[in-house]
Protein backbone atom coordinates (compact mmCIF):
# COMPACT_ATOMS: atom_id res chain seq x y z
CA MET A 1 57.49 -87.50 -13.18
CA ARG A 2 56.95 -91.15 -14.08
CA GLU A 3 54.78 -92.14 -17.00
CA GLY A 4 51.24 -93.09 -16.11
CA VAL A 5 51.15 -90.88 -12.99
CA ALA A 6 48.71 -88.02 -13.31
CA ARG A 7 49.80 -84.59 -12.16
CA PRO A 8 47.52 -83.04 -9.56
CA GLU A 9 45.38 -80.16 -10.78
CA ARG A 10 46.14 -76.78 -9.30
CA ALA A 11 43.27 -75.30 -7.32
CA GLU A 12 42.92 -71.94 -9.04
CA ALA A 13 40.03 -69.81 -10.17
CA PRO A 14 39.05 -70.44 -13.79
CA GLU A 15 40.70 -68.19 -16.35
CA PRO A 16 38.56 -65.21 -17.33
CA ALA A 17 37.03 -65.15 -20.79
CA GLY A 18 39.06 -63.06 -23.27
CA GLN A 19 38.85 -59.30 -23.48
CA GLY A 20 37.75 -59.03 -27.12
CA LYS A 21 37.04 -55.76 -28.86
CA TRP A 22 35.32 -54.23 -25.83
CA GLY A 23 38.29 -54.79 -23.50
CA LEU A 24 36.47 -56.88 -20.89
CA ALA A 25 37.66 -60.07 -19.24
CA LEU A 26 34.69 -61.85 -17.63
CA ARG A 27 34.36 -64.66 -15.11
CA ASP A 28 31.34 -66.57 -13.84
CA LEU A 29 30.53 -65.75 -10.24
CA ASP A 30 31.04 -68.45 -7.63
CA ALA A 31 29.00 -68.38 -4.43
CA GLN A 32 31.86 -67.04 -2.28
CA THR A 33 32.73 -64.15 -4.61
CA ALA A 34 29.06 -63.33 -5.20
CA GLY A 35 28.42 -63.17 -1.45
CA ARG A 36 31.41 -60.89 -0.95
CA LEU A 37 30.07 -58.58 -3.68
CA GLY A 38 26.50 -58.57 -2.35
CA VAL A 39 24.88 -60.52 -5.20
CA THR A 40 23.84 -64.14 -5.71
CA ALA A 41 25.94 -66.53 -7.81
CA ASN A 42 23.39 -66.51 -10.64
CA GLU A 43 22.81 -62.75 -10.63
CA GLY A 44 25.46 -61.64 -13.12
CA VAL A 45 29.06 -62.02 -14.26
CA LEU A 46 32.24 -60.65 -12.72
CA VAL A 47 34.45 -58.17 -14.55
CA ALA A 48 37.84 -59.82 -13.97
CA GLY A 49 39.82 -57.32 -16.03
CA VAL A 50 39.53 -54.16 -18.10
CA GLN A 51 42.03 -53.43 -20.84
CA PRO A 52 43.45 -49.89 -20.54
CA GLY A 53 42.23 -47.59 -23.32
CA SER A 54 39.42 -49.98 -24.34
CA ALA A 55 35.74 -49.13 -24.79
CA ALA A 56 35.08 -50.60 -21.34
CA ALA A 57 37.79 -48.45 -19.74
CA ARG A 58 36.52 -45.32 -21.51
CA ALA A 59 33.01 -46.06 -20.17
CA GLY A 60 34.30 -46.36 -16.60
CA VAL A 61 33.90 -50.13 -16.14
CA GLN A 62 36.18 -51.38 -13.33
CA ASP A 63 37.66 -54.68 -12.19
CA GLY A 64 35.28 -56.19 -9.64
CA ASP A 65 32.11 -54.75 -11.17
CA VAL A 66 29.30 -57.25 -11.67
CA ILE A 67 27.48 -57.07 -15.01
CA LEU A 68 23.78 -57.66 -14.34
CA GLU A 69 22.48 -56.85 -17.84
CA VAL A 70 23.84 -56.48 -21.37
CA ASN A 71 21.66 -54.31 -23.61
CA LYS A 72 18.80 -54.59 -21.08
CA ARG A 73 18.90 -58.42 -21.03
CA LYS A 74 19.76 -60.13 -17.74
CA VAL A 75 22.86 -62.32 -17.83
CA THR A 76 23.76 -65.06 -15.37
CA SER A 77 26.87 -66.53 -17.01
CA VAL A 78 29.80 -65.54 -19.19
CA LYS A 79 28.27 -67.60 -21.99
CA GLU A 80 25.02 -65.56 -21.83
CA ALA A 81 26.93 -62.28 -21.67
CA GLN A 82 29.06 -63.21 -24.67
CA ALA A 83 25.97 -64.21 -26.65
CA GLU A 84 24.40 -60.79 -26.00
CA VAL A 85 27.65 -58.97 -26.83
CA GLN A 86 27.91 -60.80 -30.16
CA LYS A 87 24.49 -59.45 -31.19
CA THR A 88 25.79 -55.89 -31.38
CA GLN A 89 28.44 -54.14 -33.45
CA ASP A 90 28.37 -50.49 -32.38
CA ASN A 91 27.35 -49.98 -28.75
CA LEU A 92 26.79 -51.91 -25.54
CA LEU A 93 24.74 -50.85 -22.57
CA LEU A 94 25.78 -52.58 -19.36
CA LEU A 95 23.94 -52.49 -16.05
CA LEU A 96 26.62 -52.83 -13.38
CA ARG A 97 26.60 -53.48 -9.66
CA ARG A 98 29.46 -51.73 -7.87
CA GLY A 99 29.33 -52.05 -4.13
CA GLU A 100 25.90 -50.90 -2.98
CA SER A 101 25.19 -49.02 -6.22
CA SER A 102 23.83 -49.96 -9.61
CA LEU A 103 24.87 -47.93 -12.64
CA TYR A 104 24.79 -48.03 -16.42
CA ALA A 105 27.88 -47.93 -18.61
CA ALA A 106 27.56 -47.15 -22.32
CA LEU A 107 30.37 -48.69 -24.37
CA GLU A 108 31.02 -47.35 -27.85
CA ALA A 109 33.06 -49.26 -30.39
CA LYS A 110 36.07 -47.29 -31.53
CA GLN A 111 35.61 -46.00 -35.05
CA GLY A 112 38.47 -46.32 -37.53
C-alpha cells in the first residue's frame, strides 16, 4: 500500500467488551440484533460470549441472552452494565431475556 492512502475499514460488528472475573463478554445491541431477539435496541445488552467454567457459565448464562438488569438496575449499554458490575464484589443478579422468557441468573464470585 502506498503512503498517504488510507486502508478501508472492515465492516464488522464491534468487539465485545472483555469477559472479566464474571466470564461475560458483552456487546451493545444494534437495532437489527435487538429486533431479531424480540427487544428494542435500548432495552439491554447482548451476551456475546460466556467463558467456560466462569461464574456466568455456572449460573446458566448463555451466548445470545440479553441482560435487562444488573442487580435490579436496568441497563441499556455495555458501559452501564460494567458500571453496575463494578459496584459489587461477591454476587451479581442478572435479569435475562432468552427467547420469549425472562429469567434471573445469580452469579457468585469464586472463592479462593
